[in-house]
Amino acid sequence: MASSSSSSQAQPAVDPRIVLFARGVIAILDVWPALRLAVTESWGGAESAEKRRWMASILIDPFEEYLNTPSVKKDITVHAPDAIYIEEMLLQVMDDEFGAVIEDGSAEKVAKDVVGLWGKILISRVEAEKEVGRLESVQEALKKKKVEFQQQVADDDDEWSDEDSGDEEGDEDEEDGEAPMLLDGAKKEKEKEEDKVDEDGFTTVKKGKSHR
């Protein structure tokens, strides 16, 4: 018992700001339509949900490293991640782990949301807690919804549409907007030209069979 107690006491406590940030990042990723679709359709295999949590952890790590860096070294040897860095990470993981190429600009928005939340956490714990609470409310509401798609029989490709949009108001509408543009890497250039918006406002996207 004594050794077990000593071992647990030796572990450094996690900064509460990182815990709050982690909650927010998980919520942000959970409401990202492109990632929701990839997980729902198991594009990352049987461990798609676990890969989403892993994505959250690798996004959080560099912020935690920055927070734990002595002030004298900050911005000299360790820099706080910016939106461009986070966006590149998101695009890389979506491509590597889910075989999806994101071209609808949503990764940029997600990256800005992550960096924006970090800024609030550093400036005001109270405001950050409000923002995380809002994100988790949207996250919880979307658990009752499903990202759907319509299959195009003629060319055996898929037309993707998010049926959730239009039912919620305010911030929830913003988080659960139009369907993501996901392209198979091998057909990226060819299919990009074929994308169009139908009369209902949904983006028609061609998707490779490798995602099924």
N, C-alpha and C. Protein backbone atom coordinates (compact mmCIF):
# COMPACT_ATOMS: atom_id res chain seq x y z
N MET A 1 0.82 -1.20 0.00
CA MET A 1 0.00 0.00 0.00
C MET A 1 0.86 1.25 0.00
N ALA A 2 1.94 1.21 0.81
CA ALA A 2 2.80 2.38 0.93
C ALA A 2 3.46 2.68 -0.40
N SER A 3 3.96 1.62 -1.06
CA SER A 3 4.63 1.84 -2.34
C SER A 3 3.67 2.33 -3.39
N SER A 4 2.44 1.82 -3.36
CA SER A 4 1.43 2.26 -4.32
C SER A 4 1.09 3.72 -4.10
N SER A 5 0.98 4.11 -2.81
CA SER A 5 0.67 5.50 -2.49
C SER A 5 1.80 6.42 -2.91
N SER A 6 3.04 5.99 -2.68
CA SER A 6 4.19 6.80 -3.07
C SER A 6 4.27 6.97 -4.56
N SER A 7 3.92 5.89 -5.28
CA SER A 7 3.97 5.94 -6.75
C SER A 7 2.96 6.92 -7.29
N SER A 8 1.73 6.91 -6.70
CA SER A 8 0.69 7.81 -7.19
C SER A 8 1.02 9.25 -6.86
N GLN A 9 1.67 9.48 -5.69
CA GLN A 9 2.03 10.83 -5.29
C GLN A 9 3.15 11.38 -6.17
N ALA A 10 3.96 10.47 -6.73
CA ALA A 10 5.09 10.91 -7.55
C ALA A 10 4.65 11.46 -8.90
N GLN A 11 3.43 11.08 -9.32
CA GLN A 11 2.95 11.53 -10.62
C GLN A 11 2.57 13.01 -10.54
N PRO A 12 3.08 13.83 -11.45
CA PRO A 12 2.76 15.25 -11.42
C PRO A 12 1.29 15.50 -11.73
N ALA A 13 0.72 16.46 -11.04
CA ALA A 13 -0.69 16.79 -11.26
C ALA A 13 -0.86 17.47 -12.61
N VAL A 14 -1.94 17.14 -13.29
CA VAL A 14 -2.22 17.76 -14.58
C VAL A 14 -2.80 19.16 -14.34
N ASP A 15 -2.28 20.12 -15.04
CA ASP A 15 -2.76 21.49 -14.91
C ASP A 15 -4.25 21.53 -15.25
N PRO A 16 -5.09 22.11 -14.40
CA PRO A 16 -6.53 22.16 -14.66
C PRO A 16 -6.88 22.88 -15.96
N ARG A 17 -5.99 23.75 -16.40
CA ARG A 17 -6.24 24.43 -17.68
C ARG A 17 -6.15 23.45 -18.84
N ILE A 18 -5.25 22.48 -18.72
CA ILE A 18 -5.12 21.45 -19.76
C ILE A 18 -6.34 20.54 -19.76
N VAL A 19 -6.84 20.22 -18.57
CA VAL A 19 -8.04 19.38 -18.47
C VAL A 19 -9.21 20.08 -19.15
N LEU A 20 -9.38 21.36 -18.88
CA LEU A 20 -10.47 22.13 -19.50
C LEU A 20 -10.28 22.22 -21.01
N PHE A 21 -9.04 22.44 -21.42
CA PHE A 21 -8.73 22.53 -22.85
C PHE A 21 -9.02 21.20 -23.54
N ALA A 22 -8.66 20.10 -22.90
CA ALA A 22 -8.90 18.78 -23.47
C ALA A 22 -10.39 18.54 -23.68
N ARG A 23 -11.20 18.93 -22.71
CA ARG A 23 -12.66 18.80 -22.87
C ARG A 23 -13.16 19.57 -24.07
N GLY A 24 -12.64 20.78 -24.23
CA GLY A 24 -13.06 21.60 -25.36
C GLY A 24 -12.63 21.05 -26.70
N VAL A 25 -11.39 20.56 -26.77
CA VAL A 25 -10.88 20.00 -28.03
C VAL A 25 -11.68 18.76 -28.43
N ILE A 26 -11.97 17.91 -27.46
CA ILE A 26 -12.77 16.71 -27.76
C ILE A 26 -14.14 17.10 -28.31
N ALA A 27 -14.75 18.11 -27.70
CA ALA A 27 -16.06 18.57 -28.17
C ALA A 27 -15.98 19.16 -29.57
N ILE A 28 -14.94 19.94 -29.83
CA ILE A 28 -14.76 20.56 -31.15
C ILE A 28 -14.63 19.48 -32.23
N LEU A 29 -13.85 18.46 -31.96
CA LEU A 29 -13.67 17.39 -32.93
C LEU A 29 -14.96 16.58 -33.10
N ASP A 30 -15.68 16.37 -32.01
CA ASP A 30 -16.89 15.57 -32.08
C ASP A 30 -17.97 16.22 -32.94
N VAL A 31 -17.97 17.55 -33.02
CA VAL A 31 -19.02 18.22 -33.81
C VAL A 31 -18.54 18.59 -35.21
N TRP A 32 -17.30 18.25 -35.55
CA TRP A 32 -16.78 18.52 -36.90
C TRP A 32 -17.44 17.54 -37.87
N PRO A 33 -18.26 18.02 -38.81
CA PRO A 33 -19.00 17.13 -39.72
C PRO A 33 -18.11 16.14 -40.47
N ALA A 34 -16.97 16.58 -40.95
CA ALA A 34 -16.09 15.69 -41.71
C ALA A 34 -15.62 14.51 -40.87
N LEU A 35 -15.24 14.78 -39.63
CA LEU A 35 -14.76 13.71 -38.76
C LEU A 35 -15.92 12.84 -38.28
N ARG A 36 -17.05 13.45 -38.01
CA ARG A 36 -18.24 12.68 -37.63
C ARG A 36 -18.57 11.66 -38.72
N LEU A 37 -18.52 12.12 -39.96
CA LEU A 37 -18.83 11.24 -41.09
C LEU A 37 -17.81 10.11 -41.20
N ALA A 38 -16.53 10.45 -41.06
CA ALA A 38 -15.47 9.45 -41.17
C ALA A 38 -15.60 8.38 -40.09
N VAL A 39 -15.97 8.80 -38.87
CA VAL A 39 -16.12 7.85 -37.77
C VAL A 39 -17.39 7.02 -37.94
N THR A 40 -18.49 7.69 -38.32
CA THR A 40 -19.76 6.99 -38.51
C THR A 40 -19.64 5.89 -39.57
N GLU A 41 -18.93 6.21 -40.65
CA GLU A 41 -18.78 5.25 -41.75
C GLU A 41 -17.57 4.33 -41.59
N SER A 42 -16.88 4.47 -40.44
CA SER A 42 -15.72 3.62 -40.12
C SER A 42 -14.65 3.66 -41.20
N TRP A 43 -14.36 4.85 -41.73
CA TRP A 43 -13.31 4.97 -42.73
C TRP A 43 -11.94 4.65 -42.15
N GLY A 44 -11.83 4.75 -40.81
CA GLY A 44 -10.57 4.42 -40.17
C GLY A 44 -10.56 3.01 -39.63
N GLY A 45 -11.53 2.20 -40.06
CA GLY A 45 -11.62 0.83 -39.60
C GLY A 45 -12.40 0.71 -38.30
N ALA A 46 -12.27 -0.42 -37.65
CA ALA A 46 -13.02 -0.69 -36.42
C ALA A 46 -12.62 0.25 -35.29
N GLU A 47 -11.44 0.84 -35.39
CA GLU A 47 -10.95 1.72 -34.32
C GLU A 47 -11.12 3.20 -34.68
N SER A 48 -12.08 3.52 -35.50
CA SER A 48 -12.28 4.90 -35.94
C SER A 48 -12.54 5.85 -34.76
N ALA A 49 -13.38 5.43 -33.81
CA ALA A 49 -13.67 6.29 -32.65
C ALA A 49 -12.41 6.51 -31.81
N GLU A 50 -11.61 5.45 -31.65
CA GLU A 50 -10.37 5.58 -30.89
C GLU A 50 -9.40 6.53 -31.60
N LYS A 51 -9.40 6.49 -32.92
CA LYS A 51 -8.52 7.39 -33.68
C LYS A 51 -8.94 8.85 -33.49
N ARG A 52 -10.24 9.08 -33.34
CA ARG A 52 -10.70 10.44 -33.08
C ARG A 52 -10.17 10.94 -31.74
N ARG A 53 -10.19 10.08 -30.71
CA ARG A 53 -9.66 10.47 -29.40
C ARG A 53 -8.14 10.65 -29.48
N TRP A 54 -7.48 9.81 -30.25
CA TRP A 54 -6.03 9.96 -30.42
C TRP A 54 -5.71 11.28 -31.11
N MET A 55 -6.54 11.66 -32.08
CA MET A 55 -6.34 12.94 -32.75
C MET A 55 -6.43 14.08 -31.74
N ALA A 56 -7.38 14.01 -30.82
CA ALA A 56 -7.51 15.04 -29.79
C ALA A 56 -6.25 15.11 -28.94
N SER A 57 -5.70 13.96 -28.58
CA SER A 57 -4.53 13.93 -27.71
C SER A 57 -3.30 14.56 -28.38
N ILE A 58 -3.12 14.30 -29.68
CA ILE A 58 -1.93 14.86 -30.33
C ILE A 58 -2.10 16.35 -30.59
N LEU A 59 -3.34 16.83 -30.62
CA LEU A 59 -3.56 18.27 -30.73
C LEU A 59 -3.27 18.96 -29.40
N ILE A 60 -3.60 18.29 -28.32
CA ILE A 60 -3.42 18.87 -26.98
C ILE A 60 -1.96 18.89 -26.56
N ASP A 61 -1.20 17.86 -26.94
CA ASP A 61 0.18 17.70 -26.47
C ASP A 61 1.06 18.93 -26.65
N PRO A 62 1.10 19.55 -27.85
CA PRO A 62 2.01 20.70 -28.00
C PRO A 62 1.60 21.91 -27.14
N PHE A 63 0.31 22.05 -26.87
CA PHE A 63 -0.14 23.14 -25.99
C PHE A 63 0.29 22.87 -24.55
N GLU A 64 0.20 21.60 -24.15
CA GLU A 64 0.64 21.24 -22.80
C GLU A 64 2.14 21.43 -22.65
N GLU A 65 2.88 21.07 -23.70
CA GLU A 65 4.33 21.26 -23.67
C GLU A 65 4.68 22.74 -23.53
N TYR A 66 3.94 23.56 -24.27
CA TYR A 66 4.18 25.01 -24.19
C TYR A 66 3.87 25.53 -22.79
N LEU A 67 2.76 25.06 -22.21
CA LEU A 67 2.34 25.52 -20.89
C LEU A 67 3.36 25.13 -19.82
N ASN A 68 3.97 23.95 -19.98
CA ASN A 68 4.92 23.46 -18.98
C ASN A 68 6.35 23.96 -19.20
N THR A 69 6.56 24.72 -20.26
CA THR A 69 7.89 25.26 -20.54
C THR A 69 8.16 26.48 -19.66
N PRO A 70 9.33 26.54 -19.02
CA PRO A 70 9.68 27.71 -18.20
C PRO A 70 9.53 29.00 -19.02
N SER A 71 9.06 30.04 -18.39
CA SER A 71 8.79 31.30 -19.08
C SER A 71 9.99 31.82 -19.86
N VAL A 72 11.19 31.63 -19.33
CA VAL A 72 12.38 32.16 -19.98
C VAL A 72 12.62 31.51 -21.35
N LYS A 73 12.11 30.28 -21.54
CA LYS A 73 12.34 29.57 -22.79
C LYS A 73 11.18 29.71 -23.78
N LYS A 74 10.04 30.19 -23.30
CA LYS A 74 8.88 30.30 -24.17
C LYS A 74 9.14 31.28 -25.31
N ASP A 75 8.63 30.90 -26.47
CA ASP A 75 8.78 31.69 -27.70
C ASP A 75 10.22 31.77 -28.17
N ILE A 76 11.12 31.03 -27.54
CA ILE A 76 12.51 30.96 -28.00
C ILE A 76 12.80 29.54 -28.48
N THR A 77 12.60 28.57 -27.58
CA THR A 77 12.81 27.17 -27.96
C THR A 77 11.48 26.44 -28.19
N VAL A 78 10.41 26.92 -27.56
CA VAL A 78 9.08 26.31 -27.70
C VAL A 78 8.08 27.39 -28.04
N HIS A 79 7.32 27.16 -29.08
CA HIS A 79 6.33 28.14 -29.53
C HIS A 79 4.92 27.58 -29.35
N ALA A 80 3.99 28.45 -29.02
CA ALA A 80 2.59 28.04 -28.92
C ALA A 80 2.09 27.71 -30.32
N PRO A 81 1.40 26.60 -30.49
CA PRO A 81 0.89 26.22 -31.82
C PRO A 81 -0.07 27.28 -32.36
N ASP A 82 0.02 27.54 -33.66
CA ASP A 82 -0.92 28.47 -34.27
C ASP A 82 -1.93 27.69 -35.12
N ALA A 83 -2.88 28.41 -35.71
CA ALA A 83 -3.96 27.77 -36.46
C ALA A 83 -3.45 27.02 -37.69
N ILE A 84 -2.41 27.55 -38.33
CA ILE A 84 -1.87 26.89 -39.52
C ILE A 84 -1.28 25.54 -39.15
N TYR A 85 -0.55 25.48 -38.05
CA TYR A 85 0.06 24.24 -37.57
C TYR A 85 -1.02 23.20 -37.24
N ILE A 86 -2.06 23.64 -36.54
CA ILE A 86 -3.14 22.73 -36.15
C ILE A 86 -3.91 22.25 -37.38
N GLU A 87 -4.15 23.14 -38.33
CA GLU A 87 -4.86 22.75 -39.55
C GLU A 87 -4.08 21.67 -40.31
N GLU A 88 -2.78 21.85 -40.41
CA GLU A 88 -1.95 20.86 -41.10
C GLU A 88 -2.01 19.50 -40.41
N MET A 89 -2.03 19.52 -39.08
CA MET A 89 -2.15 18.27 -38.33
C MET A 89 -3.48 17.59 -38.62
N LEU A 90 -4.55 18.36 -38.63
CA LEU A 90 -5.89 17.81 -38.88
C LEU A 90 -5.96 17.18 -40.27
N LEU A 91 -5.48 17.91 -41.27
CA LEU A 91 -5.53 17.40 -42.64
C LEU A 91 -4.69 16.13 -42.79
N GLN A 92 -3.52 16.11 -42.14
CA GLN A 92 -2.63 14.95 -42.24
C GLN A 92 -3.26 13.72 -41.61
N VAL A 93 -3.85 13.90 -40.42
CA VAL A 93 -4.45 12.75 -39.73
C VAL A 93 -5.67 12.25 -40.49
N MET A 94 -6.49 13.15 -41.01
CA MET A 94 -7.66 12.73 -41.77
C MET A 94 -7.25 11.93 -43.00
N ASP A 95 -6.17 12.33 -43.62
CA ASP A 95 -5.67 11.62 -44.80
C ASP A 95 -5.05 10.29 -44.41
N ASP A 96 -4.15 10.31 -43.42
CA ASP A 96 -3.42 9.10 -43.04
C ASP A 96 -4.30 8.05 -42.37
N GLU A 97 -5.17 8.49 -41.47
CA GLU A 97 -5.92 7.55 -40.65
C GLU A 97 -7.30 7.21 -41.21
N PHE A 98 -7.90 8.13 -41.99
CA PHE A 98 -9.26 7.90 -42.50
C PHE A 98 -9.33 7.87 -44.03
N GLY A 99 -8.21 8.14 -44.69
CA GLY A 99 -8.21 8.14 -46.14
C GLY A 99 -9.08 9.22 -46.73
N ALA A 100 -9.24 10.33 -46.03
CA ALA A 100 -10.12 11.41 -46.49
C ALA A 100 -9.32 12.69 -46.72
N VAL A 101 -9.54 13.30 -47.87
CA VAL A 101 -8.92 14.59 -48.19
C VAL A 101 -9.97 15.66 -48.01
N ILE A 102 -9.74 16.58 -47.07
CA ILE A 102 -10.72 17.60 -46.73
C ILE A 102 -10.44 18.87 -47.54
N GLU A 103 -11.43 19.30 -48.33
CA GLU A 103 -11.23 20.48 -49.17
C GLU A 103 -12.37 21.49 -49.04
N ASP A 104 -13.13 21.40 -47.95
CA ASP A 104 -14.25 22.34 -47.79
C ASP A 104 -13.90 23.50 -46.87
N GLY A 105 -12.65 23.58 -46.43
CA GLY A 105 -12.24 24.68 -45.56
C GLY A 105 -12.58 24.46 -44.09
N SER A 106 -13.23 23.34 -43.77
CA SER A 106 -13.66 23.11 -42.39
C SER A 106 -12.49 22.86 -41.45
N ALA A 107 -11.41 22.29 -41.95
CA ALA A 107 -10.24 22.04 -41.09
C ALA A 107 -9.65 23.36 -40.59
N GLU A 108 -9.69 24.37 -41.43
CA GLU A 108 -9.18 25.69 -41.03
C GLU A 108 -10.03 26.25 -39.89
N LYS A 109 -11.35 26.11 -40.00
CA LYS A 109 -12.25 26.61 -38.96
C LYS A 109 -12.03 25.86 -37.65
N VAL A 110 -11.90 24.54 -37.73
CA VAL A 110 -11.65 23.74 -36.53
C VAL A 110 -10.35 24.18 -35.87
N ALA A 111 -9.32 24.39 -36.68
CA ALA A 111 -8.02 24.82 -36.14
C ALA A 111 -8.14 26.16 -35.43
N LYS A 112 -8.87 27.09 -36.03
CA LYS A 112 -9.06 28.41 -35.41
C LYS A 112 -9.86 28.30 -34.11
N ASP A 113 -10.83 27.38 -34.08
CA ASP A 113 -11.61 27.18 -32.86
C ASP A 113 -10.72 26.64 -31.73
N VAL A 114 -9.83 25.72 -32.08
CA VAL A 114 -8.92 25.12 -31.09
C VAL A 114 -7.98 26.19 -30.52
N VAL A 115 -7.36 26.96 -31.41
CA VAL A 115 -6.43 28.01 -30.98
C VAL A 115 -7.17 29.11 -30.22
N GLY A 116 -8.37 29.43 -30.67
CA GLY A 116 -9.17 30.44 -29.99
C GLY A 116 -9.53 30.02 -28.58
N LEU A 117 -9.88 28.76 -28.40
CA LEU A 117 -10.20 28.25 -27.07
C LEU A 117 -8.97 28.33 -26.17
N TRP A 118 -7.81 27.99 -26.70
CA TRP A 118 -6.58 28.08 -25.92
C TRP A 118 -6.33 29.50 -25.45
N GLY A 119 -6.57 30.46 -26.32
CA GLY A 119 -6.40 31.85 -25.95
C GLY A 119 -7.32 32.25 -24.81
N LYS A 120 -8.56 31.79 -24.84
CA LYS A 120 -9.51 32.10 -23.77
C LYS A 120 -9.08 31.48 -22.45
N ILE A 121 -8.53 30.26 -22.53
CA ILE A 121 -8.09 29.59 -21.31
C ILE A 121 -6.94 30.35 -20.65
N LEU A 122 -6.05 30.91 -21.45
CA LEU A 122 -4.92 31.66 -20.89
C LEU A 122 -5.35 33.01 -20.34
N ILE A 123 -6.41 33.58 -20.92
CA ILE A 123 -6.84 34.92 -20.51
C ILE A 123 -7.85 34.89 -19.38
N SER A 124 -8.87 34.03 -19.52
CA SER A 124 -9.94 34.02 -18.52
C SER A 124 -10.48 32.60 -18.33
N ARG A 125 -10.27 32.04 -17.18
CA ARG A 125 -10.77 30.70 -16.88
C ARG A 125 -12.30 30.67 -16.93
N VAL A 126 -12.93 31.74 -16.44
CA VAL A 126 -14.39 31.80 -16.42
C VAL A 126 -14.96 31.78 -17.83
N GLU A 127 -14.42 32.60 -18.71
CA GLU A 127 -14.90 32.65 -20.09
C GLU A 127 -14.63 31.33 -20.81
N ALA A 128 -13.49 30.73 -20.51
CA ALA A 128 -13.14 29.46 -21.14
C ALA A 128 -14.12 28.37 -20.71
N GLU A 129 -14.49 28.35 -19.45
CA GLU A 129 -15.45 27.36 -18.96
C GLU A 129 -16.81 27.53 -19.63
N LYS A 130 -17.20 28.78 -19.86
CA LYS A 130 -18.47 29.04 -20.56
C LYS A 130 -18.41 28.50 -21.98
N GLU A 131 -17.28 28.74 -22.64
CA GLU A 131 -17.13 28.29 -24.03
C GLU A 131 -17.12 26.77 -24.12
N VAL A 132 -16.41 26.12 -23.19
CA VAL A 132 -16.38 24.66 -23.19
C VAL A 132 -17.77 24.10 -22.90
N GLY A 133 -18.49 24.74 -22.01
CA GLY A 133 -19.85 24.31 -21.72
C GLY A 133 -20.74 24.41 -22.95
N ARG A 134 -20.57 25.48 -23.72
CA ARG A 134 -21.35 25.65 -24.95
C ARG A 134 -21.01 24.56 -25.96
N LEU A 135 -19.73 24.30 -26.12
CA LEU A 135 -19.29 23.27 -27.05
C LEU A 135 -19.81 21.89 -26.66
N GLU A 136 -19.79 21.61 -25.38
CA GLU A 136 -20.26 20.30 -24.92
C GLU A 136 -21.77 20.17 -25.07
N SER A 137 -22.49 21.29 -25.01
CA SER A 137 -23.94 21.25 -25.23
C SER A 137 -24.24 20.88 -26.68
N VAL A 138 -23.49 21.47 -27.60
CA VAL A 138 -23.65 21.15 -29.02
C VAL A 138 -23.26 19.70 -29.25
N GLN A 139 -22.17 19.28 -28.63
CA GLN A 139 -21.69 17.90 -28.76
C GLN A 139 -22.78 16.92 -28.31
N GLU A 140 -23.41 17.20 -27.18
CA GLU A 140 -24.44 16.32 -26.64
C GLU A 140 -25.66 16.28 -27.56
N ALA A 141 -26.04 17.44 -28.11
CA ALA A 141 -27.20 17.50 -28.99
C ALA A 141 -26.99 16.69 -30.26
N LEU A 142 -25.76 16.68 -30.77
CA LEU A 142 -25.47 15.98 -32.02
C LEU A 142 -25.39 14.46 -31.84
N LYS A 143 -25.31 14.00 -30.60
CA LYS A 143 -25.28 12.56 -30.37
C LYS A 143 -26.59 11.92 -30.80
N LYS A 144 -27.66 12.72 -30.82
CA LYS A 144 -28.97 12.20 -31.19
C LYS A 144 -29.21 12.25 -32.69
N LYS A 145 -28.24 12.80 -33.41
CA LYS A 145 -28.39 12.95 -34.85
C LYS A 145 -27.41 12.05 -35.60
N LYS A 146 -27.64 11.91 -36.88
CA LYS A 146 -26.80 11.03 -37.69
C LYS A 146 -26.44 11.71 -39.00
N VAL A 147 -25.20 11.59 -39.40
CA VAL A 147 -24.76 12.10 -40.69
C VAL A 147 -25.16 11.07 -41.74
N GLU A 148 -25.94 11.48 -42.73
CA GLU A 148 -26.45 10.56 -43.74
C GLU A 148 -25.86 10.87 -45.11
N PHE A 149 -25.99 9.91 -46.02
CA PHE A 149 -25.54 10.13 -47.39
C PHE A 149 -26.48 9.46 -48.35
N GLN A 150 -26.47 9.96 -49.59
CA GLN A 150 -27.28 9.38 -50.65
C GLN A 150 -26.34 8.80 -51.69
N GLN A 151 -26.60 7.57 -52.08
CA GLN A 151 -25.71 6.92 -53.05
C GLN A 151 -26.16 7.18 -54.47
N GLN A 152 -25.21 7.51 -55.35
CA GLN A 152 -25.49 7.70 -56.77
C GLN A 152 -25.24 6.37 -57.48
N VAL A 153 -26.31 5.75 -57.94
CA VAL A 153 -26.20 4.43 -58.55
C VAL A 153 -25.53 4.49 -59.92
N ALA A 154 -25.73 5.57 -60.65
CA ALA A 154 -25.26 5.64 -62.03
C ALA A 154 -23.76 5.44 -62.15
N ASP A 155 -22.97 6.16 -61.31
CA ASP A 155 -21.52 6.06 -61.43
C ASP A 155 -20.91 5.42 -60.20
N ASP A 156 -21.76 4.86 -59.33
CA ASP A 156 -21.30 4.14 -58.15
C ASP A 156 -20.48 4.99 -57.21
N ASP A 157 -20.69 6.31 -57.27
CA ASP A 157 -20.07 7.21 -56.31
C ASP A 157 -21.16 7.66 -55.34
N ASP A 158 -20.78 8.45 -54.34
CA ASP A 158 -21.73 8.84 -53.32
C ASP A 158 -21.93 10.34 -53.28
N GLU A 159 -23.18 10.75 -53.05
CA GLU A 159 -23.48 12.16 -52.84
C GLU A 159 -23.74 12.34 -51.36
N TRP A 160 -22.92 13.15 -50.72
CA TRP A 160 -22.98 13.28 -49.27
C TRP A 160 -23.78 14.51 -48.88
N SER A 161 -24.64 14.36 -47.91
CA SER A 161 -25.37 15.50 -47.40
C SER A 161 -25.61 15.31 -45.92
N ASP A 162 -25.53 16.39 -45.15
CA ASP A 162 -25.76 16.34 -43.72
C ASP A 162 -27.20 16.75 -43.47
N GLU A 163 -28.05 15.81 -43.12
CA GLU A 163 -29.47 16.08 -42.93
C GLU A 163 -29.75 16.84 -41.66
N ASP A 164 -28.71 17.05 -40.82
CA ASP A 164 -28.93 17.72 -39.55
C ASP A 164 -29.14 19.21 -39.71
N SER A 165 -28.59 19.83 -40.77
CA SER A 165 -28.61 21.28 -40.89
C SER A 165 -30.02 21.78 -41.08
N GLY A 166 -30.27 22.98 -40.46
CA GLY A 166 -31.56 23.62 -40.61
C GLY A 166 -32.49 23.33 -39.46
N ASP A 167 -32.18 22.37 -38.59
CA ASP A 167 -33.07 22.03 -37.49
C ASP A 167 -32.75 22.80 -36.22
N GLU A 168 -31.51 23.23 -36.08
CA GLU A 168 -31.10 23.93 -34.88
C GLU A 168 -30.82 25.38 -35.21
N GLU A 169 -30.78 26.22 -34.16
CA GLU A 169 -30.55 27.64 -34.36
C GLU A 169 -29.25 28.05 -33.71
N GLY A 170 -28.79 29.26 -34.04
CA GLY A 170 -27.63 29.84 -33.38
C GLY A 170 -26.37 29.08 -33.62
N ASP A 171 -25.61 28.89 -32.52
CA ASP A 171 -24.30 28.26 -32.61
C ASP A 171 -24.39 26.83 -33.11
N GLU A 172 -25.48 26.14 -32.79
CA GLU A 172 -25.59 24.75 -33.19
C GLU A 172 -25.69 24.63 -34.69
N ASP A 173 -26.34 25.61 -35.34
CA ASP A 173 -26.41 25.63 -36.80
C ASP A 173 -25.02 25.76 -37.38
N GLU A 174 -24.21 26.63 -36.75
CA GLU A 174 -22.88 26.89 -37.28
C GLU A 174 -22.00 25.65 -37.20
N GLU A 175 -22.15 24.89 -36.09
CA GLU A 175 -21.32 23.71 -35.91
C GLU A 175 -21.77 22.55 -36.80
N ASP A 176 -23.10 22.50 -37.10
CA ASP A 176 -23.64 21.35 -37.81
C ASP A 176 -24.17 21.80 -39.16
N GLY A 177 -23.32 22.43 -39.95
CA GLY A 177 -23.74 23.02 -41.21
C GLY A 177 -23.74 22.05 -42.36
N GLU A 178 -23.34 22.53 -43.54
CA GLU A 178 -23.44 21.71 -44.73
C GLU A 178 -22.48 20.54 -44.71
N ALA A 179 -22.76 19.59 -45.56
CA ALA A 179 -21.97 18.36 -45.58
C ALA A 179 -20.52 18.64 -45.94
N PRO A 180 -19.58 17.87 -45.37
CA PRO A 180 -18.17 18.09 -45.66
C PRO A 180 -17.81 17.63 -47.06
N MET A 181 -16.80 18.28 -47.64
CA MET A 181 -16.29 17.87 -48.94
C MET A 181 -15.12 16.93 -48.71
N LEU A 182 -15.32 15.66 -48.96
CA LEU A 182 -14.30 14.65 -48.72
C LEU A 182 -13.96 13.98 -50.04
N LEU A 183 -12.71 14.03 -50.42
CA LEU A 183 -12.30 13.48 -51.71
C LEU A 183 -11.27 12.38 -51.55
N ASP A 184 -11.39 11.34 -52.32
CA ASP A 184 -10.38 10.30 -52.37
C ASP A 184 -9.13 10.87 -53.02
N GLY A 185 -7.97 10.65 -52.40
CA GLY A 185 -6.74 11.27 -52.88
C GLY A 185 -6.42 10.96 -54.32
N ALA A 186 -6.66 9.75 -54.80
CA ALA A 186 -6.29 9.35 -56.16
C ALA A 186 -7.12 10.07 -57.21
N LYS A 187 -8.34 10.48 -56.85
CA LYS A 187 -9.21 11.12 -57.83
C LYS A 187 -9.41 12.60 -57.52
N LYS A 188 -8.58 13.13 -56.66
CA LYS A 188 -8.75 14.49 -56.15
C LYS A 188 -8.96 15.53 -57.24
N GLU A 189 -8.03 15.62 -58.19
CA GLU A 189 -8.11 16.67 -59.20
C GLU A 189 -9.31 16.48 -60.11
N LYS A 190 -9.55 15.25 -60.55
CA LYS A 190 -10.65 14.98 -61.47
C LYS A 190 -12.00 15.25 -60.82
N GLU A 191 -12.15 14.79 -59.58
CA GLU A 191 -13.44 14.88 -58.94
C GLU A 191 -13.72 16.28 -58.42
N LYS A 192 -12.67 17.04 -58.17
CA LYS A 192 -12.86 18.40 -57.69
C LYS A 192 -13.65 19.20 -58.70
N GLU A 193 -13.40 18.95 -60.00
CA GLU A 193 -14.09 19.68 -61.04
C GLU A 193 -15.56 19.27 -61.13
N GLU A 194 -15.89 18.07 -60.64
CA GLU A 194 -17.25 17.56 -60.76
C GLU A 194 -18.14 17.98 -59.60
N ASP A 195 -17.55 18.54 -58.51
CA ASP A 195 -18.34 18.95 -57.36
C ASP A 195 -19.29 20.07 -57.75
N LYS A 196 -20.49 20.01 -57.26
CA LYS A 196 -21.46 21.06 -57.54
C LYS A 196 -22.44 21.18 -56.39
N VAL A 197 -23.20 22.25 -56.36
CA VAL A 197 -24.19 22.47 -55.32
C VAL A 197 -25.56 22.27 -55.92
N ASP A 198 -26.38 21.36 -55.30
CA ASP A 198 -27.70 21.10 -55.86
C ASP A 198 -28.70 22.13 -55.38
N GLU A 199 -29.97 21.98 -55.79
CA GLU A 199 -30.98 22.98 -55.49
C GLU A 199 -31.31 23.07 -54.00
N ASP A 200 -30.96 22.05 -53.22
CA ASP A 200 -31.21 22.07 -51.79
C ASP A 200 -30.06 22.70 -51.01
N GLY A 201 -28.98 23.08 -51.71
CA GLY A 201 -27.85 23.72 -51.06
C GLY A 201 -26.79 22.77 -50.57
N PHE A 202 -26.90 21.46 -50.90
CA PHE A 202 -25.90 20.49 -50.49
C PHE A 202 -24.79 20.38 -51.52
N THR A 203 -23.58 20.16 -51.04
CA THR A 203 -22.46 19.98 -51.94
C THR A 203 -22.40 18.53 -52.42
N THR A 204 -22.39 18.34 -53.73
CA THR A 204 -22.26 17.01 -54.29
C THR A 204 -20.79 16.65 -54.35
N VAL A 205 -20.43 15.57 -53.70
CA VAL A 205 -19.03 15.20 -53.60
C VAL A 205 -18.85 13.76 -54.05
N LYS A 206 -17.86 13.55 -54.90
CA LYS A 206 -17.52 12.21 -55.36
C LYS A 206 -16.54 11.60 -54.38
N LYS A 207 -16.78 10.38 -53.96
CA LYS A 207 -15.94 9.72 -52.99
C LYS A 207 -15.47 8.37 -53.50
N GLY A 208 -14.19 8.08 -53.29
CA GLY A 208 -13.64 6.82 -53.75
C GLY A 208 -14.17 5.63 -52.98
N LYS A 209 -14.15 4.47 -53.59
CA LYS A 209 -14.67 3.27 -52.96
C LYS A 209 -13.85 2.84 -51.75
N SER A 210 -12.63 3.34 -51.66
CA SER A 210 -11.74 2.91 -50.58
C SER A 210 -12.28 3.28 -49.22
N HIS A 211 -13.23 4.24 -49.15
CA HIS A 211 -13.74 4.68 -47.87
C HIS A 211 -14.82 3.76 -47.32
N ARG A 212 -15.38 2.87 -48.13
CA ARG A 212 -16.50 2.08 -47.67
C ARG A 212 -16.06 0.95 -46.76
